[in-house]
């Protein structure tokens, strides 16, 4: 779901994309200081951190997409803290070489190693 994992490790990389390791149709991509979140949000019992962001939007459009500017990524041990405009705040924990988990326990991965 979050390409943030590699973007955090290789912040100078211009583009990075991650996706959830399950049936969630979500993509998070960081391009410079912009964060793009794309999802085909469905009202499911198990929510991701991204689902909760879009619930606040209360949009009826599908798929949903939002771009945040002024993205900042901070790391502390195995934690990644992402903030951006509009009060966006996300936290992820690294659990594998290319795997992170959000605050709701949903795993995200990238299929590519950073260049």
C-alpha atoms as a PDB file:
ATOM      1  CA  UNK A   1       0.000   0.000   0.000  1.00  0.00           C
ATOM      2  CA  UNK A   2       2.833   2.313   0.750  1.00  0.00           C
ATOM      3  CA  UNK A   3       5.801   2.943  -1.339  1.00  0.00           C
ATOM      4  CA  UNK A   4       6.873   4.866   1.622  1.00  0.00           C
ATOM      5  CA  UNK A   5       9.172   2.101   2.817  1.00  0.00           C
ATOM      6  CA  UNK A   6      11.702   2.659   0.078  1.00  0.00           C
ATOM      7  CA  UNK A   7      11.036   6.325  -0.122  1.00  0.00           C
ATOM      8  CA  UNK A   8      12.040   6.428   3.491  1.00  0.00           C
ATOM      9  CA  UNK A   9      15.199   4.423   2.938  1.00  0.00           C
ATOM     10  CA  UNK A  10      16.060   6.216  -0.300  1.00  0.00           C
ATOM     11  CA  UNK A  11      14.453   9.597   0.136  1.00  0.00           C
ATOM     12  CA  UNK A  12      16.515  11.033  -2.716  1.00  0.00           C
ATOM     13  CA  UNK A  13      14.864   8.608  -5.136  1.00  0.00           C
ATOM     14  CA  UNK A  14      12.436  10.722  -7.194  1.00  0.00           C
ATOM     15  CA  UNK A  15       9.681   8.127  -7.347  1.00  0.00           C
ATOM     16  CA  UNK A  16       8.702   5.286  -5.085  1.00  0.00           C
ATOM     17  CA  UNK A  17       5.578   3.139  -4.994  1.00  0.00           C
ATOM     18  CA  UNK A  18       4.217   0.617  -2.478  1.00  0.00           C
ATOM     19  CA  UNK A  19       1.082  -1.477  -2.456  1.00  0.00           C
ATOM     20  CA  UNK A  20      -0.761  -3.482   0.208  1.00  0.00           C
ATOM     21  CA  UNK A  21       0.120  -7.146   0.540  1.00  0.00           C
ATOM     22  CA  UNK A  22      -3.505  -8.225   0.282  1.00  0.00           C
ATOM     23  CA  UNK A  23      -6.723  -7.543  -1.604  1.00  0.00           C
ATOM     24  CA  UNK A  24      -6.721  -3.798  -0.864  1.00  0.00           C
ATOM     25  CA  UNK A  25      -6.508  -1.791  -4.080  1.00  0.00           C
ATOM     26  CA  UNK A  26      -4.321   1.008  -2.800  1.00  0.00           C
ATOM     27  CA  UNK A  27      -1.133   2.662  -3.962  1.00  0.00           C
ATOM     28  CA  UNK A  28       1.001   5.219  -2.197  1.00  0.00           C
ATOM     29  CA  UNK A  29       3.630   6.978  -4.233  1.00  0.00           C
ATOM     30  CA  UNK A  30       6.138   9.642  -3.250  1.00  0.00           C
ATOM     31  CA  UNK A  31       7.484  11.989  -5.909  1.00  0.00           C
ATOM     32  CA  UNK A  32       9.880  14.531  -4.448  1.00  0.00           C
ATOM     33  CA  UNK A  33       7.831  16.352  -1.800  1.00  0.00           C
ATOM     34  CA  UNK A  34       4.439  15.108  -3.042  1.00  0.00           C
ATOM     35  CA  UNK A  35       2.549  12.086  -1.787  1.00  0.00           C
ATOM     36  CA  UNK A  36      -0.076  10.492  -4.039  1.00  0.00           C
ATOM     37  CA  UNK A  37      -2.618   8.152  -2.473  1.00  0.00           C
ATOM     38  CA  UNK A  38      -4.860   6.150  -4.795  1.00  0.00           C
ATOM     39  CA  UNK A  39      -7.506   3.683  -3.667  1.00  0.00           C
ATOM     40  CA  UNK A  40     -10.656   1.962  -4.821  1.00  0.00           C
ATOM     41  CA  UNK A  41     -12.078   2.322  -1.328  1.00  0.00           C
ATOM     42  CA  UNK A  42     -14.731  -0.141  -0.265  1.00  0.00           C
ATOM     43  CA  UNK A  43     -16.551  -0.194   3.051  1.00  0.00           C
ATOM     44  CA  UNK A  44     -14.919  -3.268   4.565  1.00  0.00           C
ATOM     45  CA  UNK A  45     -14.684  -4.445   8.136  1.00  0.00           C
ATOM     46  CA  UNK A  46     -10.858  -4.376   8.202  1.00  0.00           C
ATOM     47  CA  UNK A  47      -9.659  -0.806   7.634  1.00  0.00           C
ATOM     48  CA  UNK A  48      -6.236   0.397   6.585  1.00  0.00           C
ATOM     49  CA  UNK A  49      -4.725   3.725   7.621  1.00  0.00           C
ATOM     50  CA  UNK A  50      -5.498   4.934   4.099  1.00  0.00           C
ATOM     51  CA  UNK A  51      -9.153   3.859   4.365  1.00  0.00           C
ATOM     52  CA  UNK A  52      -9.508   6.000   7.461  1.00  0.00           C
ATOM     53  CA  UNK A  53      -8.160   9.044   5.611  1.00  0.00           C
ATOM     54  CA  UNK A  54     -10.717   8.647   2.836  1.00  0.00           C
ATOM     55  CA  UNK A  55     -13.575   8.006   5.263  1.00  0.00           C
ATOM     56  CA  UNK A  56     -13.048  11.570   6.465  1.00  0.00           C
ATOM     57  CA  UNK A  57     -13.371  12.792   2.866  1.00  0.00           C
ATOM     58  CA  UNK A  58     -16.838  11.192   2.573  1.00  0.00           C
ATOM     59  CA  UNK A  59     -16.504  11.053  -1.207  1.00  0.00           C
ATOM     60  CA  UNK A  60     -18.797   9.008  -3.429  1.00  0.00           C
ATOM     61  CA  UNK A  61     -16.323   8.989  -6.329  1.00  0.00           C
ATOM     62  CA  UNK A  62     -14.504   5.753  -7.159  1.00  0.00           C
ATOM     63  CA  UNK A  63     -11.575   5.407  -7.413  1.00  0.00           C
ATOM     64  CA  UNK A  64     -10.336   7.950  -4.893  1.00  0.00           C
ATOM     65  CA  UNK A  65      -7.136   9.908  -5.265  1.00  0.00           C
ATOM     66  CA  UNK A  66      -5.478  12.596  -3.185  1.00  0.00           C
ATOM     67  CA  UNK A  67      -2.200  14.460  -3.541  1.00  0.00           C
ATOM     68  CA  UNK A  68      -0.500  15.902  -0.470  1.00  0.00           C
ATOM     69  CA  UNK A  69       2.260  18.492  -0.728  1.00  0.00           C
ATOM     70  CA  UNK A  70       5.184  19.268   1.569  1.00  0.00           C
ATOM     71  CA  UNK A  71       5.689  15.635   2.560  1.00  0.00           C
ATOM     72  CA  UNK A  72       8.149  15.061   5.385  1.00  0.00           C
ATOM     73  CA  UNK A  73       9.447  11.642   6.375  1.00  0.00           C
ATOM     74  CA  UNK A  74      11.193  11.004   9.673  1.00  0.00           C
ATOM     75  CA  UNK A  75      12.664   7.730  10.836  1.00  0.00           C
ATOM     76  CA  UNK A  76      13.331   6.410  14.294  1.00  0.00           C
ATOM     77  CA  UNK A  77      14.697   2.867  14.487  1.00  0.00           C
ATOM     78  CA  UNK A  78      12.163   0.705  12.613  1.00  0.00           C
ATOM     79  CA  UNK A  79       9.450   3.425  12.494  1.00  0.00           C
ATOM     80  CA  UNK A  80       8.582   5.782   9.662  1.00  0.00           C
ATOM     81  CA  UNK A  81       6.583   8.930  10.373  1.00  0.00           C
ATOM     82  CA  UNK A  82       5.036  10.708   7.405  1.00  0.00           C
ATOM     83  CA  UNK A  83       3.448  14.137   7.630  1.00  0.00           C
ATOM     84  CA  UNK A  84       2.118  16.501   4.978  1.00  0.00           C
ATOM     85  CA  UNK A  85      -0.190  19.444   4.457  1.00  0.00           C
ATOM     86  CA  UNK A  86      -3.806  19.234   5.614  1.00  0.00           C
ATOM     87  CA  UNK A  87      -2.693  17.567   8.846  1.00  0.00           C
ATOM     88  CA  UNK A  88      -1.839  14.201   7.257  1.00  0.00           C
ATOM     89  CA  UNK A  89       0.020  11.955   9.675  1.00  0.00           C
ATOM     90  CA  UNK A  90       0.872   8.301   9.041  1.00  0.00           C
ATOM     91  CA  UNK A  91       3.075   5.849  10.910  1.00  0.00           C
ATOM     92  CA  UNK A  92       4.580   2.632   9.599  1.00  0.00           C
ATOM     93  CA  UNK A  93       6.870  -0.013  11.062  1.00  0.00           C
ATOM     94  CA  UNK A  94       9.444  -1.899   9.000  1.00  0.00           C
ATOM     95  CA  UNK A  95       9.003  -5.660   9.420  1.00  0.00           C
ATOM     96  CA  UNK A  96      10.979  -6.978   6.450  1.00  0.00           C
ATOM     97  CA  UNK A  97      13.406  -5.957   3.747  1.00  0.00           C
ATOM     98  CA  UNK A  98      10.648  -4.534   1.553  1.00  0.00           C
ATOM     99  CA  UNK A  99       7.680  -4.741   3.921  1.00  0.00           C
ATOM    100  CA  UNK A 100       6.104  -2.208   6.264  1.00  0.00           C
ATOM    101  CA  UNK A 101       2.954  -2.395   8.380  1.00  0.00           C
ATOM    102  CA  UNK A 102       0.534   0.451   9.134  1.00  0.00           C
ATOM    103  CA  UNK A 103      -1.095   1.340  12.451  1.00  0.00           C
ATOM    104  CA  UNK A 104      -4.009  -0.985  11.650  1.00  0.00           C
ATOM    105  CA  UNK A 105      -1.761  -4.017  11.096  1.00  0.00           C
ATOM    106  CA  UNK A 106      -2.023  -4.037   7.284  1.00  0.00           C
ATOM    107  CA  UNK A 107       1.201  -4.936   5.479  1.00  0.00           C
ATOM    108  CA  UNK A 108       2.507  -2.974   2.495  1.00  0.00           C
ATOM    109  CA  UNK A 109       5.285  -3.963   0.157  1.00  0.00           C
ATOM    110  CA  UNK A 110       7.204  -2.910  -2.898  1.00  0.00           C
ATOM    111  CA  UNK A 111       8.224  -5.344  -5.588  1.00  0.00           C
ATOM    112  CA  UNK A 112      11.270  -3.260  -6.527  1.00  0.00           C
ATOM    113  CA  UNK A 113      14.458  -2.492  -4.700  1.00  0.00           C
ATOM    114  CA  UNK A 114      15.406   1.187  -4.659  1.00  0.00           C
ATOM    115  CA  UNK A 115      17.923   2.201  -7.288  1.00  0.00           C
END
